[in-house]
Amino acid sequence: MSNEVMVSDKSLSAQIAAIACNYVVSEFIDGRQDCRDGIPHKDGKGESYDAGYSVQYELEQIQSTGVN
């Protein structure tokens, strides 16, 4: 029996979409894009931006551990 944690891209995408539904989607996407592009977090852009930035950061941390 394997103790390996399996996280598929499909399940991560579904989780991100579910989270984004609670926010202004365009601001959420802007936050994710800034994080993905390596742009430092911008204070005062709103809760939706913050959530998008945070989700992208968490996703990158998961992916950097080699979890598939």
PDB file of N, CA and C in Angstrom:
ATOM      1  N   MET A   1       0.837  -1.181   0.000  1.00  0.00           N
ATOM      2  CA  MET A   1       0.000   0.000   0.000  1.00  0.00           C
ATOM      3  C   MET A   1       0.884   1.248   0.000  1.00  0.00           C
ATOM      4  N   SER A   2       0.521   2.208  -0.809  1.00  0.00           N
ATOM      5  CA  SER A   2       1.308   3.425  -0.952  1.00  0.00           C
ATOM      6  C   SER A   2       0.768   4.533  -0.056  1.00  0.00           C
ATOM      7  N   ASN A   3       1.669   5.306   0.541  1.00  0.00           N
ATOM      8  CA  ASN A   3       1.285   6.472   1.329  1.00  0.00           C
ATOM      9  C   ASN A   3       1.378   7.751   0.517  1.00  0.00           C
ATOM     10  N   GLU A   4       1.637   7.609  -0.783  1.00  0.00           N
ATOM     11  CA  GLU A   4       1.807   8.768  -1.656  1.00  0.00           C
ATOM     12  C   GLU A   4       0.500   9.539  -1.794  1.00  0.00           C
ATOM     13  N   VAL A   5       0.587  10.847  -1.642  1.00  0.00           N
ATOM     14  CA  VAL A   5      -0.574  11.706  -1.819  1.00  0.00           C
ATOM     15  C   VAL A   5      -0.694  12.047  -3.288  1.00  0.00           C
ATOM     16  N   MET A   6      -1.849  11.817  -3.849  1.00  0.00           N
ATOM     17  CA  MET A   6      -2.079  12.117  -5.264  1.00  0.00           C
ATOM     18  C   MET A   6      -3.047  13.289  -5.378  1.00  0.00           C
ATOM     19  N   VAL A   7      -2.602  14.334  -6.032  1.00  0.00           N
ATOM     20  CA  VAL A   7      -3.449  15.493  -6.297  1.00  0.00           C
ATOM     21  C   VAL A   7      -3.390  15.733  -7.788  1.00  0.00           C
ATOM     22  N   SER A   8      -4.496  15.522  -8.466  1.00  0.00           N
ATOM     23  CA  SER A   8      -4.497  15.713  -9.911  1.00  0.00           C
ATOM     24  C   SER A   8      -4.747  17.177 -10.248  1.00  0.00           C
ATOM     25  N   ASP A   9      -4.286  17.576 -11.428  1.00  0.00           N
ATOM     26  CA  ASP A   9      -4.530  18.941 -11.888  1.00  0.00           C
ATOM     27  C   ASP A   9      -6.029  19.216 -11.960  1.00  0.00           C
ATOM     28  N   LYS A  10      -6.803  18.202 -12.318  1.00  0.00           N
ATOM     29  CA  LYS A  10      -8.253  18.378 -12.439  1.00  0.00           C
ATOM     30  C   LYS A  10      -8.865  18.730 -11.086  1.00  0.00           C
ATOM     31  N   SER A  11      -8.462  18.019 -10.031  1.00  0.00           N
ATOM     32  CA  SER A  11      -9.037  18.309  -8.726  1.00  0.00           C
ATOM     33  C   SER A  11      -8.592  19.677  -8.216  1.00  0.00           C
ATOM     34  N   LEU A  12      -7.354  20.067  -8.483  1.00  0.00           N
ATOM     35  CA  LEU A  12      -6.890  21.391  -8.074  1.00  0.00           C
ATOM     36  C   LEU A  12      -7.651  22.483  -8.815  1.00  0.00           C
ATOM     37  N   SER A  13      -7.871  22.295 -10.099  1.00  0.00           N
ATOM     38  CA  SER A  13      -8.615  23.279 -10.886  1.00  0.00           C
ATOM     39  C   SER A  13     -10.031  23.434 -10.360  1.00  0.00           C
ATOM     40  N   ALA A  14     -10.660  22.324 -10.023  1.00  0.00           N
ATOM     41  CA  ALA A  14     -12.022  22.368  -9.489  1.00  0.00           C
ATOM     42  C   ALA A  14     -12.050  23.089  -8.145  1.00  0.00           C
ATOM     43  N   GLN A  15     -11.054  22.841  -7.326  1.00  0.00           N
ATOM     44  CA  GLN A  15     -10.994  23.507  -6.028  1.00  0.00           C
ATOM     45  C   GLN A  15     -10.790  25.007  -6.189  1.00  0.00           C
ATOM     46  N   ILE A  16      -9.924  25.396  -7.113  1.00  0.00           N
ATOM     47  CA  ILE A  16      -9.675  26.819  -7.362  1.00  0.00           C
ATOM     48  C   ILE A  16     -10.937  27.491  -7.890  1.00  0.00           C
ATOM     49  N   ALA A  17     -11.633  26.837  -8.803  1.00  0.00           N
ATOM     50  CA  ALA A  17     -12.872  27.397  -9.356  1.00  0.00           C
ATOM     51  C   ALA A  17     -13.912  27.581  -8.256  1.00  0.00           C
ATOM     52  N   ALA A  18     -14.009  26.623  -7.362  1.00  0.00           N
ATOM     53  CA  ALA A  18     -14.974  26.723  -6.263  1.00  0.00           C
ATOM     54  C   ALA A  18     -14.637  27.891  -5.345  1.00  0.00           C
ATOM     55  N   ILE A  19     -13.358  28.102  -5.091  1.00  0.00           N
ATOM     56  CA  ILE A  19     -12.931  29.225  -4.250  1.00  0.00           C
ATOM     57  C   ILE A  19     -13.211  30.552  -4.956  1.00  0.00           C
ATOM     58  N   ALA A  20     -12.906  30.620  -6.246  1.00  0.00           N
ATOM     59  CA  ALA A  20     -13.065  31.866  -7.013  1.00  0.00           C
ATOM     60  C   ALA A  20     -14.519  32.331  -7.056  1.00  0.00           C
ATOM     61  N   CYS A  21     -15.457  31.411  -6.973  1.00  0.00           N
ATOM     62  CA  CYS A  21     -16.885  31.772  -7.027  1.00  0.00           C
ATOM     63  C   CYS A  21     -17.290  32.699  -5.884  1.00  0.00           C
ATOM     64  N   ASN A  22     -16.510  32.710  -4.830  1.00  0.00           N
ATOM     65  CA  ASN A  22     -16.830  33.548  -3.671  1.00  0.00           C
ATOM     66  C   ASN A  22     -16.270  34.963  -3.782  1.00  0.00           C
ATOM     67  N   TYR A  23     -15.622  35.262  -4.892  1.00  0.00           N
ATOM     68  CA  TYR A  23     -14.939  36.549  -5.043  1.00  0.00           C
ATOM     69  C   TYR A  23     -15.276  37.194  -6.384  1.00  0.00           C
ATOM     70  N   VAL A  24     -14.822  38.444  -6.552  1.00  0.00           N
ATOM     71  CA  VAL A  24     -14.904  39.111  -7.845  1.00  0.00           C
ATOM     72  C   VAL A  24     -13.882  38.421  -8.736  1.00  0.00           C
ATOM     73  N   VAL A  25     -14.371  37.687  -9.716  1.00  0.00           N
ATOM     74  CA  VAL A  25     -13.509  36.786 -10.478  1.00  0.00           C
ATOM     75  C   VAL A  25     -12.378  37.526 -11.181  1.00  0.00           C
ATOM     76  N   SER A  26     -12.637  38.684 -11.758  1.00  0.00           N
ATOM     77  CA  SER A  26     -11.578  39.408 -12.475  1.00  0.00           C
ATOM     78  C   SER A  26     -10.447  39.816 -11.530  1.00  0.00           C
ATOM     79  N   GLU A  27     -10.775  40.219 -10.303  1.00  0.00           N
ATOM     80  CA  GLU A  27      -9.751  40.583  -9.326  1.00  0.00           C
ATOM     81  C   GLU A  27      -9.014  39.346  -8.825  1.00  0.00           C
ATOM     82  N   PHE A  28      -9.739  38.249  -8.646  1.00  0.00           N
ATOM     83  CA  PHE A  28      -9.144  36.976  -8.237  1.00  0.00           C
ATOM     84  C   PHE A  28      -8.116  36.536  -9.276  1.00  0.00           C
ATOM     85  N   ILE A  29      -8.488  36.615 -10.548  1.00  0.00           N
ATOM     86  CA  ILE A  29      -7.587  36.240 -11.638  1.00  0.00           C
ATOM     87  C   ILE A  29      -6.375  37.158 -11.682  1.00  0.00           C
ATOM     88  N   ASP A  30      -6.585  38.460 -11.459  1.00  0.00           N
ATOM     89  CA  ASP A  30      -5.458  39.409 -11.429  1.00  0.00           C
ATOM     90  C   ASP A  30      -4.457  39.031 -10.337  1.00  0.00           C
ATOM     91  N   GLY A  31      -4.956  38.638  -9.170  1.00  0.00           N
ATOM     92  CA  GLY A  31      -4.075  38.228  -8.083  1.00  0.00           C
ATOM     93  C   GLY A  31      -3.286  36.982  -8.437  1.00  0.00           C
ATOM     94  N   ARG A  32      -3.965  36.002  -9.028  1.00  0.00           N
ATOM     95  CA  ARG A  32      -3.275  34.775  -9.446  1.00  0.00           C
ATOM     96  C   ARG A  32      -2.208  35.090 -10.481  1.00  0.00           C
ATOM     97  N   GLN A  33      -2.541  35.934 -11.443  1.00  0.00           N
ATOM     98  CA  GLN A  33      -1.603  36.261 -12.523  1.00  0.00           C
ATOM     99  C   GLN A  33      -0.382  36.989 -11.985  1.00  0.00           C
ATOM    100  N   ASP A  34      -0.587  37.947 -11.081  1.00  0.00           N
ATOM    101  CA  ASP A  34       0.558  38.662 -10.508  1.00  0.00           C
ATOM    102  C   ASP A  34       1.487  37.693  -9.783  1.00  0.00           C
ATOM    103  N   CYS A  35       0.916  36.784  -9.002  1.00  0.00           N
ATOM    104  CA  CYS A  35       1.745  35.806  -8.291  1.00  0.00           C
ATOM    105  C   CYS A  35       2.482  34.916  -9.285  1.00  0.00           C
ATOM    106  N   ARG A  36       1.777  34.436 -10.281  1.00  0.00           N
ATOM    107  CA  ARG A  36       2.384  33.565 -11.301  1.00  0.00           C
ATOM    108  C   ARG A  36       3.526  34.271 -12.016  1.00  0.00           C
ATOM    109  N   ASP A  37       3.367  35.583 -12.245  1.00  0.00           N
ATOM    110  CA  ASP A  37       4.381  36.354 -12.967  1.00  0.00           C
ATOM    111  C   ASP A  37       5.510  36.848 -12.064  1.00  0.00           C
ATOM    112  N   GLY A  38       5.431  36.518 -10.767  1.00  0.00           N
ATOM    113  CA  GLY A  38       6.485  36.920  -9.843  1.00  0.00           C
ATOM    114  C   GLY A  38       6.406  38.365  -9.397  1.00  0.00           C
ATOM    115  N   ILE A  39       5.273  38.987  -9.597  1.00  0.00           N
ATOM    116  CA  ILE A  39       5.073  40.378  -9.181  1.00  0.00           C
ATOM    117  C   ILE A  39       4.753  40.392  -7.690  1.00  0.00           C
ATOM    118  N   PRO A  40       5.439  41.219  -6.907  1.00  0.00           N
ATOM    119  CA  PRO A  40       5.149  41.270  -5.472  1.00  0.00           C
ATOM    120  C   PRO A  40       3.679  41.614  -5.211  1.00  0.00           C
ATOM    121  N   HIS A  41       3.149  41.056  -4.117  1.00  0.00           N
ATOM    122  CA  HIS A  41       1.757  41.304  -3.728  1.00  0.00           C
ATOM    123  C   HIS A  41       1.517  42.797  -3.576  1.00  0.00           C
ATOM    124  N   LYS A  42       0.388  43.261  -4.056  1.00  0.00           N
ATOM    125  CA  LYS A  42       0.033  44.677  -3.983  1.00  0.00           C
ATOM    126  C   LYS A  42      -1.036  44.877  -2.917  1.00  0.00           C
ATOM    127  N   ASP A  43      -0.689  45.577  -1.853  1.00  0.00           N
ATOM    128  CA  ASP A  43      -1.656  45.871  -0.794  1.00  0.00           C
ATOM    129  C   ASP A  43      -2.745  46.795  -1.301  1.00  0.00           C
ATOM    130  N   GLY A  44      -3.939  46.633  -0.754  1.00  0.00           N
ATOM    131  CA  GLY A  44      -5.045  47.528  -1.070  1.00  0.00           C
ATOM    132  C   GLY A  44      -5.796  47.204  -2.346  1.00  0.00           C
ATOM    133  N   LYS A  45      -5.518  46.058  -2.974  1.00  0.00           N
ATOM    134  CA  LYS A  45      -6.200  45.693  -4.225  1.00  0.00           C
ATOM    135  C   LYS A  45      -7.515  44.961  -3.969  1.00  0.00           C
ATOM    136  N   GLY A  46      -7.781  44.617  -2.728  1.00  0.00           N
ATOM    137  CA  GLY A  46      -9.049  44.000  -2.384  1.00  0.00           C
ATOM    138  C   GLY A  46      -8.934  42.544  -1.980  1.00  0.00           C
ATOM    139  N   GLU A  47      -9.993  42.085  -1.335  1.00  0.00           N
ATOM    140  CA  GLU A  47     -10.044  40.720  -0.820  1.00  0.00           C
ATOM    141  C   GLU A  47      -9.973  39.686  -1.938  1.00  0.00           C
ATOM    142  N   SER A  48     -10.599  39.966  -3.072  1.00  0.00           N
ATOM    143  CA  SER A  48     -10.588  39.024  -4.190  1.00  0.00           C
ATOM    144  C   SER A  48      -9.184  38.871  -4.764  1.00  0.00           C
ATOM    145  N   TYR A  49      -8.480  39.975  -4.917  1.00  0.00           N
ATOM    146  CA  TYR A  49      -7.093  39.947  -5.391  1.00  0.00           C
ATOM    147  C   TYR A  49      -6.229  39.154  -4.412  1.00  0.00           C
ATOM    148  N   ASP A  50      -6.390  39.453  -3.108  1.00  0.00           N
ATOM    149  CA  ASP A  50      -5.617  38.762  -2.079  1.00  0.00           C
ATOM    150  C   ASP A  50      -5.851  37.254  -2.131  1.00  0.00           C
ATOM    151  N   ALA A  51      -7.109  36.859  -2.291  1.00  0.00           N
ATOM    152  CA  ALA A  51      -7.446  35.435  -2.340  1.00  0.00           C
ATOM    153  C   ALA A  51      -6.826  34.768  -3.566  1.00  0.00           C
ATOM    154  N   GLY A  52      -6.875  35.421  -4.703  1.00  0.00           N
ATOM    155  CA  GLY A  52      -6.276  34.871  -5.913  1.00  0.00           C
ATOM    156  C   GLY A  52      -4.774  34.719  -5.785  1.00  0.00           C
ATOM    157  N   TYR A  53      -4.140  35.732  -5.218  1.00  0.00           N
ATOM    158  CA  TYR A  53      -2.685  35.683  -5.012  1.00  0.00           C
ATOM    159  C   TYR A  53      -2.338  34.531  -4.080  1.00  0.00           C
ATOM    160  N   SER A  54      -3.095  34.404  -3.011  1.00  0.00           N
ATOM    161  CA  SER A  54      -2.857  33.359  -2.022  1.00  0.00           C
ATOM    162  C   SER A  54      -3.043  31.958  -2.608  1.00  0.00           C
ATOM    163  N   VAL A  55      -4.115  31.778  -3.365  1.00  0.00           N
ATOM    164  CA  VAL A  55      -4.378  30.474  -3.983  1.00  0.00           C
ATOM    165  C   VAL A  55      -3.250  30.091  -4.938  1.00  0.00           C
ATOM    166  N   GLN A  56      -2.790  31.037  -5.736  1.00  0.00           N
ATOM    167  CA  GLN A  56      -1.713  30.743  -6.677  1.00  0.00           C
ATOM    168  C   GLN A  56      -0.426  30.395  -5.935  1.00  0.00           C
ATOM    169  N   TYR A  57      -0.142  31.129  -4.880  1.00  0.00           N
ATOM    170  CA  TYR A  57       1.056  30.850  -4.081  1.00  0.00           C
ATOM    171  C   TYR A  57       0.987  29.440  -3.498  1.00  0.00           C
ATOM    172  N   GLU A  58      -0.171  29.101  -2.929  1.00  0.00           N
ATOM    173  CA  GLU A  58      -0.346  27.768  -2.347  1.00  0.00           C
ATOM    174  C   GLU A  58      -0.206  26.682  -3.412  1.00  0.00           C
ATOM    175  N   LEU A  59      -0.773  26.907  -4.575  1.00  0.00           N
ATOM    176  CA  LEU A  59      -0.679  25.948  -5.672  1.00  0.00           C
ATOM    177  C   LEU A  59       0.779  25.726  -6.070  1.00  0.00           C
ATOM    178  N   GLU A  60       1.534  26.806  -6.182  1.00  0.00           N
ATOM    179  CA  GLU A  60       2.947  26.686  -6.545  1.00  0.00           C
ATOM    180  C   GLU A  60       3.740  25.939  -5.476  1.00  0.00           C
ATOM    181  N   GLN A  61       3.387  26.135  -4.209  1.00  0.00           N
ATOM    182  CA  GLN A  61       4.057  25.416  -3.124  1.00  0.00           C
ATOM    183  C   GLN A  61       3.765  23.917  -3.212  1.00  0.00           C
ATOM    184  N   ILE A  62       2.514  23.578  -3.499  1.00  0.00           N
ATOM    185  CA  ILE A  62       2.135  22.164  -3.659  1.00  0.00           C
ATOM    186  C   ILE A  62       2.898  21.562  -4.829  1.00  0.00           C
ATOM    187  N   GLN A  63       2.920  22.264  -5.948  1.00  0.00           N
ATOM    188  CA  GLN A  63       3.589  21.738  -7.138  1.00  0.00           C
ATOM    189  C   GLN A  63       5.091  21.612  -6.933  1.00  0.00           C
ATOM    190  N   SER A  64       5.680  22.480  -6.141  1.00  0.00           N
ATOM    191  CA  SER A  64       7.133  22.442  -5.933  1.00  0.00           C
ATOM    192  C   SER A  64       7.552  21.252  -5.073  1.00  0.00           C
ATOM    193  N   THR A  65       6.616  20.644  -4.381  1.00  0.00           N
ATOM    194  CA  THR A  65       6.942  19.476  -3.566  1.00  0.00           C
ATOM    195  C   THR A  65       6.924  18.203  -4.387  1.00  0.00           C
ATOM    196  N   GLY A  66       6.505  18.309  -5.636  1.00  0.00           N
ATOM    197  CA  GLY A  66       6.472  17.142  -6.511  1.00  0.00           C
ATOM    198  C   GLY A  66       5.232  16.306  -6.351  1.00  0.00           C
ATOM    199  N   VAL A  67       4.216  16.851  -5.683  1.00  0.00           N
ATOM    200  CA  VAL A  67       2.957  16.130  -5.533  1.00  0.00           C
ATOM    201  C   VAL A  67       2.251  16.137  -6.866  1.00  0.00           C
ATOM    202  N   ASN A  68       1.828  14.970  -7.327  1.00  0.00           N
ATOM    203  CA  ASN A  68       1.151  14.867  -8.622  1.00  0.00           C
ATOM    204  C   ASN A  68      -0.325  14.733  -8.427  1.00  0.00           C
TER     205      ASN A  68
END
